[in-house]
Amino acid sequence: MAAKKLKLFVDAHSFDKEFQGAQTFIRELYNHLLAERPDIDIYIGARDTENIRKQFPLLPPQNILPYKNRGVNILRFIFDIPAYIKKYRFDFAHFQYISPKKIAGCQYIVTMHDMLFNDFRKDFPILFSITRNYLFGRSIKNADIKTTVSDYSKTRICDYYQIPADEVHIIRNGVSNSLLQYQASKQEAEDWVAKKFGIRDFILYTSRIEPRKNHLLLLQKYLELKLYEKGISLVFIGKASIKTTGLTKLIKSLTREQRQFFRWIPQAEQADLAAFYRACRLFVYPSKAEGFGIPPLEAAICGAPVLCSSETAMKNFGFFEPYTFNPANQVDFEQKLALAIQQPPGYAFTGLVAKHVEQQYHWQKSGIIFYNLLQANFHCHETKNSDLRHAGHPELLWRV
């Protein structure tokens, strides 16, 4: 008799919104599982089913479960998701940050990527922090399987919510080498960016825009160093996520000359993003706080020289040293930015960093850890169900 397939539901509502790190986590993890683990029957729920079909090409079309467009996203927890769990009798349901009320027979997996909304409250709207602190806390504490993406986030989650460390599992973000399939050389990438966007010789920062991401610091120092007078451009790629008043004011105050060398591109296709990474003079990541921090690793595998913050989860990125800084020390940042512009790390250094990132941060390793976690909990749950049947309690189970 063939072994029973594990049935897993993934809430992918993040793909209905602007880009965020949770999308990368879900896309890369589950594309790996779809390719490597045929013993898992994966279903994915979202409103934008066309986007899901594009992001997960190996997912059978019938396994894409549409949410109704009710205007308020959280209503999926009341209507769509409970109905799907009951209909398909999933063994597991995987959520990012927030999970709905528990349904018997289905184990909930909650991945909490960070605690930044609590640790850096000044950088988030008050209501945002209060509501998420309650909802995220309730969800992670009640989850059957608790996961996060970094040592830093695990420590903060366990400390704040008083969760034993052995209950929180790290499924580390990887870096996909799919970006390398595009331009074959730095020169090709430079020509691509110049032809499509009219930009050459530039500093790059890719991230959605919100206060903790610290775009304001980078733009301020770029202007103070008068890098535009040297013909060096500054490029931001990412949509605005949380209001950043200081940054908005500074952008509006730019002179005509300064505006010629500043570009803000809300969103870029993968081929364009790869070209920007490979072509940039310097990639700068001045973020004050991250639950993980994928962009500097993506830039590194594309061969970009990287100047990276060393705070929160990025403390683990010591391989970028001496091109690291504490963003709270503006003098140090300005000096290191100026030095990195004048004397960027050479190909030998960036090559070693790229090799290290590729070896240490890959989705295959994370996929194996996650798969083993599923299997251990699945077999434990099945054994418990069997014991309940033998004890004469079939009413406690779905499968009788």
Protein backbone atom coordinates (compact mmCIF):
# COMPACT_ATOMS: atom_id res chain seq x y z
CA MET A 1 0.00 0.00 0.00
CA ALA A 2 1.44 3.39 -1.02
CA ALA A 3 2.33 5.81 1.74
CA LYS A 4 -0.22 8.55 2.30
CA LYS A 5 0.68 11.90 0.71
CA LEU A 6 1.08 14.80 3.07
CA LYS A 7 -1.39 17.61 2.17
CA LEU A 8 -0.22 21.15 2.81
CA PHE A 9 -1.93 24.50 2.31
CA VAL A 10 0.06 27.75 1.93
CA ASP A 11 -1.51 31.16 2.54
CA ALA A 12 0.19 33.31 -0.12
CA HIS A 13 -1.83 36.52 0.24
CA SER A 14 1.47 38.47 0.28
CA PHE A 15 1.62 37.95 -3.49
CA ASP A 16 -1.49 40.11 -3.79
CA LYS A 17 0.48 43.14 -2.52
CA GLU A 18 3.73 44.99 -3.19
CA PHE A 19 6.96 43.04 -3.01
CA GLN A 20 8.21 41.99 0.43
CA GLY A 21 10.66 39.44 1.85
CA ALA A 22 7.91 36.97 2.72
CA GLN A 23 7.25 36.54 -1.01
CA THR A 24 10.83 35.43 -1.61
CA PHE A 25 10.63 33.03 1.33
CA ILE A 26 7.40 31.39 0.10
CA ARG A 27 8.35 31.35 -3.58
CA GLU A 28 11.80 29.86 -3.18
CA LEU A 29 10.94 27.39 -0.42
CA TYR A 30 7.88 25.97 -2.15
CA ASN A 31 9.33 25.92 -5.64
CA HIS A 32 12.13 23.80 -4.16
CA LEU A 33 9.61 21.47 -2.49
CA LEU A 34 7.51 21.22 -5.66
CA ALA A 35 10.59 20.17 -7.61
CA GLU A 36 12.14 17.84 -5.04
CA ARG A 37 9.34 16.43 -2.86
CA PRO A 38 6.56 14.70 -4.83
CA ASP A 39 5.29 13.12 -1.59
CA ILE A 40 3.87 16.50 -0.55
CA ASP A 41 0.62 17.65 -2.13
CA ILE A 42 0.93 21.45 -2.04
CA TYR A 43 -1.97 23.90 -2.44
CA ILE A 44 -1.56 27.68 -2.53
CA GLY A 45 -4.20 30.31 -1.75
CA ALA A 46 -4.30 33.93 -3.01
CA ARG A 47 -6.55 36.42 -4.80
CA ASP A 48 -4.21 36.95 -7.75
CA THR A 49 -4.23 33.40 -9.12
CA GLU A 50 -2.49 34.41 -12.36
CA ASN A 51 0.47 35.68 -10.37
CA ILE A 52 0.58 32.44 -8.37
CA ARG A 53 0.59 30.44 -11.62
CA LYS A 54 3.53 32.54 -12.84
CA GLN A 55 5.48 32.37 -9.57
CA PHE A 56 4.96 28.61 -9.07
CA PRO A 57 5.17 27.01 -12.56
CA LEU A 58 5.27 23.43 -11.18
CA LEU A 59 2.10 23.85 -9.13
CA PRO A 60 -0.90 22.02 -10.69
CA PRO A 61 -3.56 24.59 -11.70
CA GLN A 62 -6.20 22.80 -9.63
CA ASN A 63 -4.02 23.35 -6.54
CA ILE A 64 -4.33 27.13 -6.79
CA LEU A 65 -7.16 28.13 -4.45
CA PRO A 66 -8.66 31.60 -5.09
CA TYR A 67 -9.66 33.98 -2.32
CA LYS A 68 -12.72 36.12 -2.95
CA ASN A 69 -12.02 39.83 -3.25
CA ARG A 70 -13.84 41.14 -0.18
CA GLY A 71 -11.87 44.35 0.16
CA VAL A 72 -10.52 43.51 3.64
CA ASN A 73 -7.69 40.99 3.37
CA ILE A 74 -8.10 39.51 6.85
CA LEU A 75 -11.58 38.22 5.95
CA ARG A 76 -9.83 35.32 4.21
CA PHE A 77 -9.23 33.95 7.72
CA ILE A 78 -12.96 33.92 8.44
CA PHE A 79 -14.30 32.63 5.13
CA ASP A 80 -11.89 31.32 2.48
CA ILE A 81 -9.19 29.52 4.45
CA PRO A 82 -11.41 27.64 6.97
CA ALA A 83 -13.60 26.46 4.08
CA TYR A 84 -10.58 25.16 2.14
CA ILE A 85 -9.09 23.43 5.18
CA LYS A 86 -12.34 21.60 5.85
CA LYS A 87 -12.94 20.75 2.19
CA TYR A 88 -9.45 19.39 1.42
CA ARG A 89 -8.65 18.11 4.93
CA PHE A 90 -5.14 19.49 4.96
CA ASP A 91 -2.57 18.00 7.30
CA PHE A 92 -0.75 21.34 7.53
CA ALA A 93 -1.50 25.00 6.82
CA HIS A 94 1.41 27.45 6.56
CA PHE A 95 0.98 31.12 7.45
CA GLN A 96 3.31 34.12 7.58
CA TYR A 97 2.94 36.01 10.88
CA ILE A 98 -0.84 35.60 11.35
CA SER A 99 -2.96 32.45 11.50
CA PRO A 100 -6.74 32.00 11.82
CA LYS A 101 -8.64 30.11 14.50
CA LYS A 102 -7.48 26.52 14.76
CA ILE A 103 -9.41 23.79 12.93
CA ALA A 104 -9.22 20.24 14.28
CA GLY A 105 -7.06 17.83 12.29
CA CYS A 106 -4.85 20.49 10.67
CA GLN A 107 -1.50 21.51 12.14
CA TYR A 108 -0.65 25.18 11.77
CA ILE A 109 2.83 26.36 10.77
CA VAL A 110 3.55 30.02 11.50
CA THR A 111 6.67 31.73 10.19
CA MET A 112 7.37 34.97 12.03
CA HIS A 113 10.08 36.74 10.09
CA ASP A 114 10.90 39.43 12.64
CA MET A 115 9.90 41.40 15.74
CA LEU A 116 10.90 44.76 14.30
CA PHE A 117 7.43 46.27 14.70
CA ASN A 118 7.97 45.85 18.46
CA ASP A 119 11.71 46.52 18.78
CA PHE A 120 11.66 49.63 16.56
CA ARG A 121 8.24 51.08 17.31
CA LYS A 122 9.21 54.63 16.33
CA ASP A 123 9.66 53.43 12.75
CA PHE A 124 6.13 52.02 12.50
CA PRO A 125 2.69 53.60 12.88
CA ILE A 126 1.37 53.19 16.45
CA LEU A 127 -1.72 51.22 15.42
CA PHE A 128 0.43 49.00 13.19
CA SER A 129 2.64 47.99 16.14
CA ILE A 130 -0.21 47.45 18.60
CA THR A 131 -2.37 45.30 16.35
CA ARG A 132 0.51 43.22 15.03
CA ASN A 133 1.99 42.66 18.44
CA TYR A 134 -1.26 41.04 19.54
CA LEU A 135 -2.08 39.13 16.36
CA PHE A 136 1.46 37.95 15.65
CA GLY A 137 2.01 36.94 19.28
CA ARG A 138 -1.22 34.95 19.48
CA SER A 139 -0.43 33.20 16.22
CA ILE A 140 3.17 32.18 16.97
CA LYS A 141 2.35 31.01 20.51
CA ASN A 142 -0.56 28.85 19.31
CA ALA A 143 1.25 27.40 16.28
CA ASP A 144 1.96 23.67 16.15
CA ILE A 145 5.20 24.43 14.30
CA LYS A 146 6.94 27.74 15.00
CA THR A 147 9.56 28.96 12.53
CA THR A 148 11.59 32.06 11.77
CA VAL A 149 14.39 33.01 9.37
CA SER A 150 17.41 34.04 11.46
CA ASP A 151 19.15 33.61 14.80
CA TYR A 152 18.41 37.24 15.62
CA SER A 153 14.67 36.87 15.02
CA LYS A 154 14.55 33.62 16.99
CA THR A 155 16.18 35.23 20.00
CA ARG A 156 13.79 38.20 19.94
CA ILE A 157 10.68 36.01 19.47
CA CYS A 158 11.63 33.66 22.29
CA ASP A 159 12.55 36.49 24.66
CA TYR A 160 9.50 38.63 24.05
CA TYR A 161 6.83 35.93 23.95
CA GLN A 162 8.49 33.65 26.51
CA ILE A 163 8.66 30.70 24.12
CA PRO A 164 11.24 27.95 24.83
CA ALA A 165 14.10 28.11 22.31
CA ASP A 166 13.70 24.48 21.25
CA GLU A 167 10.16 25.22 20.03
CA VAL A 168 11.27 27.77 17.41
CA HIS A 169 12.96 26.40 14.29
CA ILE A 170 15.12 28.44 11.93
CA ILE A 171 14.31 28.04 8.23
CA ARG A 172 16.94 30.41 6.92
CA ASN A 173 16.39 32.46 3.79
CA GLY A 174 18.50 31.41 0.86
CA VAL A 175 19.66 33.31 -2.18
CA SER A 176 18.52 32.04 -5.54
CA ASN A 177 21.15 31.95 -8.26
CA SER A 178 18.35 32.50 -10.80
CA LEU A 179 19.55 36.11 -11.03
CA LEU A 180 22.70 34.80 -12.71
CA GLN A 181 20.80 33.51 -15.75
CA TYR A 182 20.55 36.98 -17.23
CA GLN A 183 23.44 39.22 -18.31
CA ALA A 184 26.65 37.27 -18.80
CA SER A 185 29.05 40.05 -17.86
CA LYS A 186 29.27 43.35 -16.02
CA GLN A 187 29.66 45.17 -19.33
CA GLU A 188 26.45 43.58 -20.69
CA ALA A 189 24.63 44.59 -17.52
CA GLU A 190 25.94 48.16 -17.72
CA ASP A 191 24.79 48.40 -21.34
CA TRP A 192 21.37 46.93 -20.41
CA VAL A 193 20.78 49.51 -17.65
CA ALA A 194 22.08 52.37 -19.82
CA LYS A 195 19.88 51.44 -22.77
CA LYS A 196 16.68 50.77 -20.81
CA PHE A 197 16.95 53.32 -18.00
CA GLY A 198 19.55 55.82 -19.20
CA ILE A 199 21.75 55.30 -16.12
CA ARG A 200 25.48 54.62 -15.84
CA ASP A 201 27.93 54.76 -12.91
CA PHE A 202 25.53 54.48 -9.98
CA ILE A 203 25.10 53.54 -6.31
CA LEU A 204 22.22 51.12 -5.77
CA TYR A 205 19.81 50.40 -2.90
CA THR A 206 16.98 47.89 -3.37
CA SER A 207 14.31 47.67 -0.68
CA ARG A 208 10.76 48.75 -0.08
CA ILE A 209 10.72 52.26 1.37
CA GLU A 210 9.88 52.74 5.05
CA PRO A 211 11.65 54.58 7.92
CA ARG A 212 13.73 51.67 9.29
CA LYS A 213 15.17 51.01 5.84
CA ASN A 214 17.06 54.29 6.20
CA HIS A 215 16.92 55.58 2.62
CA LEU A 216 17.06 59.07 4.11
CA LEU A 217 20.57 58.52 5.53
CA LEU A 218 21.95 57.32 2.21
CA LEU A 219 20.43 60.20 0.23
CA GLN A 220 21.69 62.75 2.79
CA LYS A 221 25.27 61.47 2.64
CA TYR A 222 25.14 61.18 -1.14
CA LEU A 223 24.24 64.87 -1.30
CA GLU A 224 26.73 65.96 1.39
CA LEU A 225 29.56 64.17 -0.43
CA LYS A 226 28.35 65.86 -3.66
CA LEU A 227 28.69 62.61 -5.56
CA TYR A 228 26.36 63.94 -8.26
CA GLU A 229 29.06 66.47 -9.16
CA LYS A 230 31.29 63.49 -9.96
CA GLY A 231 28.66 62.07 -12.31
CA ILE A 232 27.70 59.27 -9.88
CA SER A 233 23.96 58.53 -9.73
CA LEU A 234 21.92 57.15 -6.84
CA VAL A 235 19.22 54.58 -7.61
CA PHE A 236 16.47 53.37 -5.25
CA ILE A 237 14.43 50.34 -6.33
CA GLY A 238 11.35 49.55 -4.24
CA LYS A 239 7.81 50.68 -3.53
CA ALA A 240 6.86 52.98 -0.66
CA SER A 241 5.40 50.86 2.13
CA ILE A 242 5.24 53.15 5.18
CA LYS A 243 5.17 56.95 5.08
CA THR A 244 8.68 58.46 5.27
CA THR A 245 8.17 62.20 5.75
CA GLY A 246 11.84 63.19 5.96
CA LEU A 247 12.76 61.34 2.79
CA THR A 248 9.80 62.81 0.91
CA LYS A 249 10.81 66.35 1.91
CA LEU A 250 14.43 65.82 0.92
CA ILE A 251 13.50 64.43 -2.50
CA LYS A 252 11.21 67.41 -3.14
CA SER A 253 14.04 69.80 -2.23
CA LEU A 254 16.53 68.39 -4.77
CA THR A 255 17.93 70.89 -7.23
CA ARG A 256 17.57 70.38 -10.95
CA GLU A 257 21.17 69.15 -11.18
CA GLN A 258 20.70 66.71 -8.30
CA ARG A 259 17.48 65.35 -9.81
CA GLN A 260 19.36 64.40 -12.97
CA PHE A 261 21.40 61.92 -10.94
CA PHE A 262 18.70 60.53 -8.63
CA ARG A 263 16.28 57.78 -9.71
CA TRP A 264 13.56 56.02 -7.76
CA ILE A 265 12.18 52.96 -9.56
CA PRO A 266 9.20 51.44 -7.67
CA GLN A 267 9.53 47.95 -9.14
CA ALA A 268 11.88 46.03 -11.43
CA GLU A 269 11.58 42.76 -13.32
CA GLN A 270 14.07 40.02 -12.44
CA ALA A 271 16.18 40.64 -15.55
CA ASP A 272 16.35 44.37 -14.74
CA LEU A 273 17.14 43.73 -11.08
CA ALA A 274 19.95 41.36 -12.04
CA ALA A 275 21.36 44.00 -14.39
CA PHE A 276 21.25 46.70 -11.71
CA TYR A 277 23.03 44.44 -9.20
CA ARG A 278 25.73 43.45 -11.66
CA ALA A 279 26.23 46.93 -13.11
CA CYS A 280 26.28 49.07 -9.98
CA ARG A 281 29.42 50.85 -8.84
CA LEU A 282 28.45 50.07 -5.22
CA PHE A 283 25.47 48.44 -3.50
CA VAL A 284 24.66 50.10 -0.16
CA TYR A 285 22.35 48.62 2.47
CA PRO A 286 21.93 51.17 5.30
CA SER A 287 18.92 49.49 6.98
CA LYS A 288 18.65 49.99 10.75
CA ALA A 289 16.83 46.72 11.32
CA GLU A 290 16.15 43.47 9.47
CA GLY A 291 14.72 40.09 10.35
CA PHE A 292 17.12 38.68 7.79
CA GLY A 293 18.24 40.97 4.92
CA ILE A 294 18.17 39.31 1.49
CA PRO A 295 19.14 42.18 -0.92
CA PRO A 296 22.84 42.51 0.06
CA LEU A 297 23.24 38.75 -0.45
CA GLU A 298 21.55 38.96 -3.85
CA ALA A 299 23.85 41.82 -4.79
CA ALA A 300 26.87 39.81 -3.61
CA ILE A 301 26.16 36.73 -5.74
CA CYS A 302 25.81 39.03 -8.75
CA GLY A 303 29.33 40.30 -8.08
CA ALA A 304 28.42 43.74 -6.73
CA PRO A 305 30.70 45.48 -4.20
CA VAL A 306 28.57 45.73 -1.04
CA LEU A 307 28.62 48.22 1.84
CA CYS A 308 26.27 46.77 4.47
CA SER A 309 24.78 47.63 7.85
CA SER A 310 26.00 45.39 10.66
CA GLU A 311 22.95 45.68 12.94
CA THR A 312 20.23 43.20 14.01
CA ALA A 313 20.16 40.09 11.77
CA MET A 314 22.90 41.56 9.59
CA LYS A 315 25.44 40.97 12.36
CA ASN A 316 25.75 37.52 10.78
CA PHE A 317 27.05 39.11 7.56
CA GLY A 318 30.59 39.50 8.85
CA PHE A 319 31.95 38.28 5.51
CA PHE A 320 31.35 41.80 4.15
CA GLU A 321 33.91 43.29 6.57
CA PRO A 322 35.57 45.76 6.46
CA TYR A 323 32.74 47.11 4.28
CA THR A 324 30.24 47.20 7.15
CA PHE A 325 28.97 49.98 9.42
CA ASN A 326 26.58 50.87 12.23
CA PRO A 327 23.94 53.12 10.63
CA ALA A 328 23.53 54.97 13.95
CA ASN A 329 27.09 56.28 13.51
CA GLN A 330 26.62 58.73 10.66
CA VAL A 331 30.23 59.93 10.65
CA ASP A 332 31.52 56.37 10.28
CA PHE A 333 29.00 55.67 7.53
CA GLU A 334 29.95 58.80 5.59
CA GLN A 335 33.66 57.93 5.79
CA LYS A 336 33.10 54.32 4.69
CA LEU A 337 30.79 55.39 1.87
CA ALA A 338 33.37 57.86 0.58
CA LEU A 339 36.14 55.27 0.82
CA ALA A 340 34.08 52.55 -0.88
CA ILE A 341 33.30 54.95 -3.75
CA GLN A 342 36.96 55.87 -4.18
CA GLN A 343 38.42 52.41 -3.53
CA PRO A 344 35.69 49.75 -3.97
CA PRO A 345 36.56 46.15 -3.10
CA GLY A 346 38.26 44.38 -5.99
CA TYR A 347 37.17 41.34 -7.95
CA ALA A 348 39.16 38.98 -5.72
CA PHE A 349 37.26 40.16 -2.62
CA THR A 350 33.80 40.26 -4.24
CA GLY A 351 34.44 36.83 -5.76
CA LEU A 352 35.20 35.32 -2.35
CA VAL A 353 32.10 36.93 -0.83
CA ALA A 354 29.91 35.66 -3.70
CA LYS A 355 31.25 32.12 -3.25
CA HIS A 356 30.64 32.22 0.51
CA VAL A 357 27.06 33.46 0.08
CA GLU A 358 26.31 30.83 -2.54
CA GLN A 359 27.65 28.05 -0.28
CA GLN A 360 26.03 29.17 2.96
CA TYR A 361 22.68 30.60 1.92
CA HIS A 362 20.87 28.24 -0.42
CA TRP A 363 17.29 27.05 -0.49
CA GLN A 364 18.15 23.37 -0.81
CA LYS A 365 19.50 23.35 2.75
CA SER A 366 16.47 25.25 4.06
CA GLY A 367 14.13 22.98 2.11
CA ILE A 368 15.62 19.88 3.71
CA ILE A 369 15.24 21.32 7.21
CA PHE A 370 11.63 22.29 6.53
CA TYR A 371 10.80 18.93 4.92
CA ASN A 372 12.25 17.00 7.87
CA LEU A 373 10.23 19.16 10.24
CA LEU A 374 7.04 18.38 8.32
CA GLN A 375 7.75 14.67 8.25
CA ALA A 376 8.50 14.46 11.97
CA ASN A 377 5.28 16.27 12.90
CA PHE A 378 3.22 14.42 10.29
CA HIS A 379 4.23 10.96 11.54
CA CYS A 380 3.80 12.04 15.15
CA HIS A 381 0.29 13.30 14.35
CA GLU A 382 -0.60 10.12 12.44
CA THR A 383 0.60 7.98 15.34
CA LYS A 384 -1.53 10.00 17.74
CA ASN A 385 -4.55 9.60 15.44
CA SER A 386 -3.98 5.86 15.30
CA ASP A 387 -3.81 5.66 19.08
CA LEU A 388 -7.07 7.59 19.34
CA ARG A 389 -8.77 5.21 16.92
CA HIS A 390 -7.63 2.20 18.90
CA ALA A 391 -8.81 3.91 22.08
CA GLY A 392 -12.28 4.22 20.55
CA HIS A 393 -12.41 7.97 19.86
CA PRO A 394 -13.02 8.28 16.11
CA GLU A 395 -15.18 11.34 16.70
CA LEU A 396 -12.02 13.31 17.51
CA LEU A 397 -10.67 12.81 14.01
CA TRP A 398 -11.42 13.85 10.47
CA ARG A 399 -10.32 10.64 8.88
CA VAL A 400 -12.49 7.77 10.08
